Amino acid sequence: MGKTLNELADDLKSYLIEIQSDAHNKGNLRPERYNNLRLMMNIAQNPDPHVVIRVGMSAAEYDYRKCEKTEGSLGPDDRYVLRWLGKPTVISALNECWRAVARNRGRAYERPRGA
């Protein structure tokens, strides 16, 4: 079984903090900014495979198959998110989540406890 959207959000959060924690950005990095990072897929609003990433009050929608932003903005984090979306393991995990959302008619898939 693949990762859920919550697990992918945790992976993205870790990636964003890791990539920005080099010596040049140490003073500007605020990891608490990503505490409320969320990934969503709304099949009723957009029937094409996509993922909406929300960080605080900012949100952007990405076509993860083409690895491009379709709407909104996350400011300077956009370039890091696009790098993360370009990873083959992320794309396959998002495809699996999309199929689960489509199979459940738009309701988010929740893995049964203990599975």
N, C-alpha and C. Protein backbone atom coordinates (compact mmCIF):
# COMPACT_ATOMS: atom_id res chain seq x y z
N MET A 1 0.84 -1.18 0.00
CA MET A 1 0.00 0.00 0.00
C MET A 1 0.88 1.24 0.00
N GLY A 2 0.50 2.23 -0.78
CA GLY A 2 1.27 3.46 -0.89
C GLY A 2 1.01 4.41 0.26
N LYS A 3 1.56 5.59 0.11
CA LYS A 3 1.42 6.60 1.15
C LYS A 3 0.10 7.35 1.02
N THR A 4 -0.39 7.85 2.14
CA THR A 4 -1.58 8.68 2.14
C THR A 4 -1.16 10.12 1.89
N LEU A 5 -2.14 10.99 1.68
CA LEU A 5 -1.83 12.40 1.48
C LEU A 5 -1.19 13.01 2.72
N ASN A 6 -1.59 12.57 3.90
CA ASN A 6 -0.98 13.09 5.13
C ASN A 6 0.49 12.69 5.23
N GLU A 7 0.81 11.46 4.84
CA GLU A 7 2.20 11.01 4.87
C GLU A 7 3.03 11.76 3.83
N LEU A 8 2.44 12.02 2.66
CA LEU A 8 3.13 12.80 1.64
C LEU A 8 3.34 14.24 2.10
N ALA A 9 2.38 14.79 2.84
CA ALA A 9 2.54 16.15 3.37
C ALA A 9 3.70 16.19 4.36
N ASP A 10 3.83 15.16 5.19
CA ASP A 10 4.96 15.09 6.12
C ASP A 10 6.29 14.99 5.36
N ASP A 11 6.29 14.21 4.28
CA ASP A 11 7.50 14.10 3.46
C ASP A 11 7.87 15.44 2.84
N LEU A 12 6.88 16.16 2.32
CA LEU A 12 7.13 17.47 1.72
C LEU A 12 7.64 18.45 2.77
N LYS A 13 7.03 18.43 3.94
CA LYS A 13 7.47 19.31 5.02
C LYS A 13 8.94 19.05 5.35
N SER A 14 9.31 17.80 5.51
CA SER A 14 10.71 17.44 5.80
C SER A 14 11.63 17.89 4.67
N TYR A 15 11.19 17.69 3.44
CA TYR A 15 12.00 18.08 2.28
C TYR A 15 12.22 19.59 2.26
N LEU A 16 11.15 20.37 2.48
CA LEU A 16 11.28 21.83 2.45
C LEU A 16 12.23 22.33 3.54
N ILE A 17 12.14 21.75 4.72
CA ILE A 17 13.01 22.18 5.82
C ILE A 17 14.45 21.78 5.53
N GLU A 18 14.64 20.57 5.02
CA GLU A 18 15.99 20.07 4.73
C GLU A 18 16.68 20.89 3.64
N ILE A 19 15.96 21.17 2.57
CA ILE A 19 16.56 21.87 1.44
C ILE A 19 16.88 23.33 1.76
N GLN A 20 16.16 23.90 2.71
CA GLN A 20 16.38 25.30 3.06
C GLN A 20 17.30 25.48 4.26
N SER A 21 17.76 24.41 4.85
CA SER A 21 18.56 24.55 6.07
C SER A 21 20.06 24.52 5.79
N ASP A 22 20.48 24.98 4.62
CA ASP A 22 21.91 25.08 4.36
C ASP A 22 22.47 26.31 5.07
N ALA A 23 23.74 26.50 5.00
CA ALA A 23 24.41 27.59 5.73
C ALA A 23 23.93 28.97 5.30
N HIS A 24 23.52 29.13 4.04
CA HIS A 24 23.12 30.44 3.53
C HIS A 24 21.73 30.85 4.02
N ASN A 25 20.87 29.91 4.26
CA ASN A 25 19.49 30.21 4.65
C ASN A 25 19.21 30.03 6.13
N LYS A 26 20.20 29.63 6.90
CA LYS A 26 20.01 29.28 8.31
C LYS A 26 19.24 30.37 9.07
N GLY A 27 19.57 31.62 8.85
CA GLY A 27 18.92 32.71 9.59
C GLY A 27 17.51 32.98 9.14
N ASN A 28 17.18 32.68 7.89
CA ASN A 28 15.85 32.97 7.34
C ASN A 28 14.87 31.81 7.47
N LEU A 29 15.35 30.65 7.83
CA LEU A 29 14.49 29.47 7.91
C LEU A 29 13.59 29.52 9.14
N ARG A 30 12.30 29.34 8.90
CA ARG A 30 11.32 29.24 9.98
C ARG A 30 10.53 27.95 9.81
N PRO A 31 11.03 26.85 10.38
CA PRO A 31 10.38 25.55 10.16
C PRO A 31 8.94 25.49 10.67
N GLU A 32 8.60 26.29 11.66
CA GLU A 32 7.23 26.26 12.18
C GLU A 32 6.22 26.74 11.14
N ARG A 33 6.69 27.42 10.11
CA ARG A 33 5.83 27.89 9.02
C ARG A 33 5.15 26.71 8.32
N TYR A 34 5.78 25.54 8.34
CA TYR A 34 5.26 24.38 7.63
C TYR A 34 4.45 23.43 8.52
N ASN A 35 4.18 23.84 9.75
CA ASN A 35 3.43 22.96 10.65
C ASN A 35 2.03 22.65 10.16
N ASN A 36 1.44 23.55 9.39
CA ASN A 36 0.08 23.31 8.90
C ASN A 36 0.05 23.05 7.40
N LEU A 37 1.11 22.47 6.86
CA LEU A 37 1.16 22.13 5.43
C LEU A 37 0.15 21.02 5.16
N ARG A 38 -0.66 21.18 4.11
CA ARG A 38 -1.69 20.20 3.77
C ARG A 38 -1.65 19.90 2.27
N LEU A 39 -1.94 18.65 1.92
CA LEU A 39 -2.12 18.23 0.53
C LEU A 39 -3.56 17.79 0.37
N MET A 40 -4.20 18.23 -0.71
CA MET A 40 -5.60 17.89 -0.96
C MET A 40 -5.79 17.57 -2.43
N MET A 41 -6.79 16.77 -2.71
CA MET A 41 -7.21 16.47 -4.08
C MET A 41 -8.73 16.61 -4.11
N ASN A 42 -9.23 17.52 -4.94
CA ASN A 42 -10.67 17.75 -5.01
C ASN A 42 -11.15 17.37 -6.40
N ILE A 43 -11.59 16.14 -6.55
CA ILE A 43 -12.01 15.62 -7.84
C ILE A 43 -13.31 16.27 -8.33
N ALA A 44 -14.13 16.77 -7.42
CA ALA A 44 -15.38 17.43 -7.81
C ALA A 44 -15.11 18.80 -8.43
N GLN A 45 -14.08 19.47 -7.95
CA GLN A 45 -13.75 20.80 -8.44
C GLN A 45 -12.92 20.75 -9.73
N ASN A 46 -12.02 19.77 -9.82
CA ASN A 46 -11.16 19.62 -10.99
C ASN A 46 -11.01 18.13 -11.28
N PRO A 47 -11.60 17.65 -12.38
CA PRO A 47 -11.55 16.20 -12.67
C PRO A 47 -10.20 15.71 -13.20
N ASP A 48 -9.28 16.62 -13.49
CA ASP A 48 -7.95 16.21 -13.95
C ASP A 48 -7.05 15.95 -12.75
N PRO A 49 -6.16 14.96 -12.85
CA PRO A 49 -5.26 14.67 -11.71
C PRO A 49 -4.45 15.90 -11.30
N HIS A 50 -4.56 16.23 -10.03
CA HIS A 50 -3.89 17.40 -9.49
C HIS A 50 -3.71 17.22 -7.99
N VAL A 51 -2.92 18.10 -7.41
CA VAL A 51 -2.79 18.15 -5.96
C VAL A 51 -2.76 19.63 -5.56
N VAL A 52 -3.50 19.95 -4.52
CA VAL A 52 -3.50 21.31 -3.97
C VAL A 52 -2.65 21.28 -2.72
N ILE A 53 -1.67 22.17 -2.68
CA ILE A 53 -0.78 22.26 -1.52
C ILE A 53 -1.05 23.59 -0.83
N ARG A 54 -1.35 23.49 0.45
CA ARG A 54 -1.67 24.68 1.25
C ARG A 54 -0.65 24.82 2.37
N VAL A 55 -0.07 26.01 2.46
CA VAL A 55 0.86 26.35 3.54
C VAL A 55 0.36 27.66 4.13
N GLY A 56 -0.17 27.59 5.34
CA GLY A 56 -0.74 28.79 5.96
C GLY A 56 -1.92 29.28 5.14
N MET A 57 -1.87 30.54 4.74
CA MET A 57 -2.95 31.12 3.94
C MET A 57 -2.69 31.00 2.45
N SER A 58 -1.53 30.53 2.06
CA SER A 58 -1.18 30.38 0.65
C SER A 58 -1.56 28.98 0.16
N ALA A 59 -2.00 28.93 -1.09
CA ALA A 59 -2.34 27.63 -1.69
C ALA A 59 -2.03 27.69 -3.18
N ALA A 60 -1.63 26.54 -3.70
CA ALA A 60 -1.36 26.42 -5.12
C ALA A 60 -1.79 25.04 -5.59
N GLU A 61 -2.27 24.99 -6.83
CA GLU A 61 -2.69 23.73 -7.42
C GLU A 61 -1.65 23.34 -8.47
N TYR A 62 -1.25 22.06 -8.44
CA TYR A 62 -0.22 21.56 -9.35
C TYR A 62 -0.74 20.37 -10.13
N ASP A 63 -0.42 20.34 -11.41
CA ASP A 63 -0.63 19.14 -12.21
C ASP A 63 0.63 18.31 -12.01
N TYR A 64 0.56 17.31 -11.16
CA TYR A 64 1.76 16.57 -10.78
C TYR A 64 2.29 15.69 -11.91
N ARG A 65 1.45 15.35 -12.88
CA ARG A 65 1.93 14.53 -14.00
C ARG A 65 2.84 15.34 -14.92
N LYS A 66 2.52 16.61 -15.11
CA LYS A 66 3.34 17.50 -15.95
C LYS A 66 4.37 18.26 -15.12
N CYS A 67 4.25 18.16 -13.82
CA CYS A 67 5.13 18.87 -12.89
C CYS A 67 5.10 20.38 -13.15
N GLU A 68 3.87 20.92 -13.14
CA GLU A 68 3.73 22.36 -13.33
C GLU A 68 2.59 22.90 -12.48
N LYS A 69 2.72 24.17 -12.13
CA LYS A 69 1.70 24.85 -11.33
C LYS A 69 0.59 25.32 -12.25
N THR A 70 -0.66 25.08 -11.86
CA THR A 70 -1.78 25.49 -12.69
C THR A 70 -2.52 26.69 -12.11
N GLU A 71 -2.38 26.91 -10.81
CA GLU A 71 -3.14 28.00 -10.19
C GLU A 71 -2.58 28.30 -8.81
N GLY A 72 -2.65 29.57 -8.38
CA GLY A 72 -2.21 29.97 -7.05
C GLY A 72 -0.71 30.14 -6.95
N SER A 73 -0.25 30.35 -5.71
CA SER A 73 1.18 30.54 -5.48
C SER A 73 1.55 30.24 -4.04
N LEU A 74 2.73 29.67 -3.86
CA LEU A 74 3.30 29.47 -2.53
C LEU A 74 4.51 30.37 -2.33
N GLY A 75 4.65 31.36 -3.19
CA GLY A 75 5.77 32.29 -3.09
C GLY A 75 7.08 31.59 -3.40
N PRO A 76 8.11 31.84 -2.61
CA PRO A 76 9.43 31.26 -2.89
C PRO A 76 9.46 29.73 -2.73
N ASP A 77 8.47 29.15 -2.08
CA ASP A 77 8.45 27.69 -1.91
C ASP A 77 8.03 26.96 -3.18
N ASP A 78 7.48 27.67 -4.16
CA ASP A 78 7.04 27.04 -5.41
C ASP A 78 8.15 26.23 -6.07
N ARG A 79 9.34 26.79 -6.15
CA ARG A 79 10.43 26.10 -6.85
C ARG A 79 10.83 24.81 -6.14
N TYR A 80 10.77 24.82 -4.80
CA TYR A 80 11.11 23.61 -4.05
C TYR A 80 10.03 22.55 -4.19
N VAL A 81 8.78 23.00 -4.21
CA VAL A 81 7.65 22.07 -4.37
C VAL A 81 7.73 21.40 -5.75
N LEU A 82 8.06 22.17 -6.77
CA LEU A 82 8.17 21.60 -8.11
C LEU A 82 9.30 20.57 -8.18
N ARG A 83 10.40 20.82 -7.48
CA ARG A 83 11.48 19.83 -7.42
C ARG A 83 11.00 18.55 -6.75
N TRP A 84 10.26 18.70 -5.66
CA TRP A 84 9.74 17.54 -4.93
C TRP A 84 8.75 16.76 -5.79
N LEU A 85 7.88 17.49 -6.49
CA LEU A 85 6.88 16.84 -7.35
C LEU A 85 7.54 16.08 -8.50
N GLY A 86 8.72 16.48 -8.91
CA GLY A 86 9.41 15.83 -10.01
C GLY A 86 10.02 14.48 -9.67
N LYS A 87 10.02 14.11 -8.41
CA LYS A 87 10.58 12.82 -8.02
C LYS A 87 9.64 11.69 -8.44
N PRO A 88 10.19 10.64 -9.07
CA PRO A 88 9.34 9.53 -9.53
C PRO A 88 8.54 8.85 -8.41
N THR A 89 9.11 8.73 -7.24
CA THR A 89 8.38 8.08 -6.14
C THR A 89 7.19 8.93 -5.69
N VAL A 90 7.34 10.25 -5.74
CA VAL A 90 6.25 11.15 -5.36
C VAL A 90 5.14 11.07 -6.39
N ILE A 91 5.50 11.07 -7.67
CA ILE A 91 4.50 11.01 -8.73
C ILE A 91 3.69 9.71 -8.63
N SER A 92 4.36 8.59 -8.41
CA SER A 92 3.62 7.32 -8.31
C SER A 92 2.73 7.29 -7.07
N ALA A 93 3.20 7.86 -5.95
CA ALA A 93 2.38 7.91 -4.74
C ALA A 93 1.15 8.80 -4.95
N LEU A 94 1.33 9.94 -5.63
CA LEU A 94 0.20 10.82 -5.90
C LEU A 94 -0.78 10.17 -6.88
N ASN A 95 -0.28 9.43 -7.85
CA ASN A 95 -1.16 8.69 -8.76
C ASN A 95 -2.02 7.70 -7.99
N GLU A 96 -1.42 7.01 -7.05
CA GLU A 96 -2.16 6.04 -6.25
C GLU A 96 -3.22 6.74 -5.39
N CYS A 97 -2.87 7.88 -4.81
CA CYS A 97 -3.84 8.66 -4.03
C CYS A 97 -4.99 9.13 -4.91
N TRP A 98 -4.65 9.57 -6.13
CA TRP A 98 -5.69 10.05 -7.05
C TRP A 98 -6.66 8.93 -7.40
N ARG A 99 -6.12 7.74 -7.67
CA ARG A 99 -6.99 6.60 -7.99
C ARG A 99 -7.90 6.26 -6.80
N ALA A 100 -7.35 6.36 -5.58
CA ALA A 100 -8.16 6.08 -4.39
C ALA A 100 -9.26 7.11 -4.22
N VAL A 101 -8.95 8.38 -4.47
CA VAL A 101 -9.96 9.43 -4.37
C VAL A 101 -11.03 9.22 -5.43
N ALA A 102 -10.63 8.89 -6.65
CA ALA A 102 -11.60 8.66 -7.73
C ALA A 102 -12.47 7.44 -7.43
N ARG A 103 -11.86 6.40 -6.88
CA ARG A 103 -12.59 5.18 -6.53
C ARG A 103 -13.62 5.46 -5.43
N ASN A 104 -13.30 6.36 -4.54
CA ASN A 104 -14.20 6.69 -3.43
C ASN A 104 -15.10 7.88 -3.75
N ARG A 105 -15.18 8.22 -5.03
CA ARG A 105 -16.05 9.30 -5.51
C ARG A 105 -15.77 10.63 -4.83
N GLY A 106 -14.51 10.97 -4.70
CA GLY A 106 -14.13 12.29 -4.19
C GLY A 106 -13.87 12.35 -2.71
N ARG A 107 -14.25 11.32 -1.97
CA ARG A 107 -13.97 11.34 -0.54
C ARG A 107 -12.53 10.90 -0.33
N ALA A 108 -11.85 11.54 0.57
CA ALA A 108 -10.45 11.21 0.84
C ALA A 108 -10.36 9.79 1.37
N TYR A 109 -9.37 9.08 0.90
CA TYR A 109 -9.15 7.72 1.33
C TYR A 109 -8.42 7.71 2.66
N GLU A 110 -8.90 6.97 3.59
CA GLU A 110 -8.24 6.81 4.88
C GLU A 110 -7.87 5.34 5.03
N ARG A 111 -6.63 5.10 5.32
CA ARG A 111 -6.17 3.72 5.53
C ARG A 111 -6.76 3.19 6.82
N PRO A 112 -7.27 1.95 6.81
CA PRO A 112 -7.81 1.37 8.03
C PRO A 112 -6.73 1.27 9.11
N ARG A 113 -7.12 1.45 10.33
CA ARG A 113 -6.15 1.37 11.44
C ARG A 113 -5.53 0.00 11.49
N GLY A 114 -4.22 -0.03 11.72
CA GLY A 114 -3.52 -1.28 11.83
C GLY A 114 -3.08 -1.85 10.48
N ALA A 115 -3.43 -1.18 9.40
CA ALA A 115 -3.07 -1.70 8.05
C ALA A 115 -1.74 -1.14 7.61
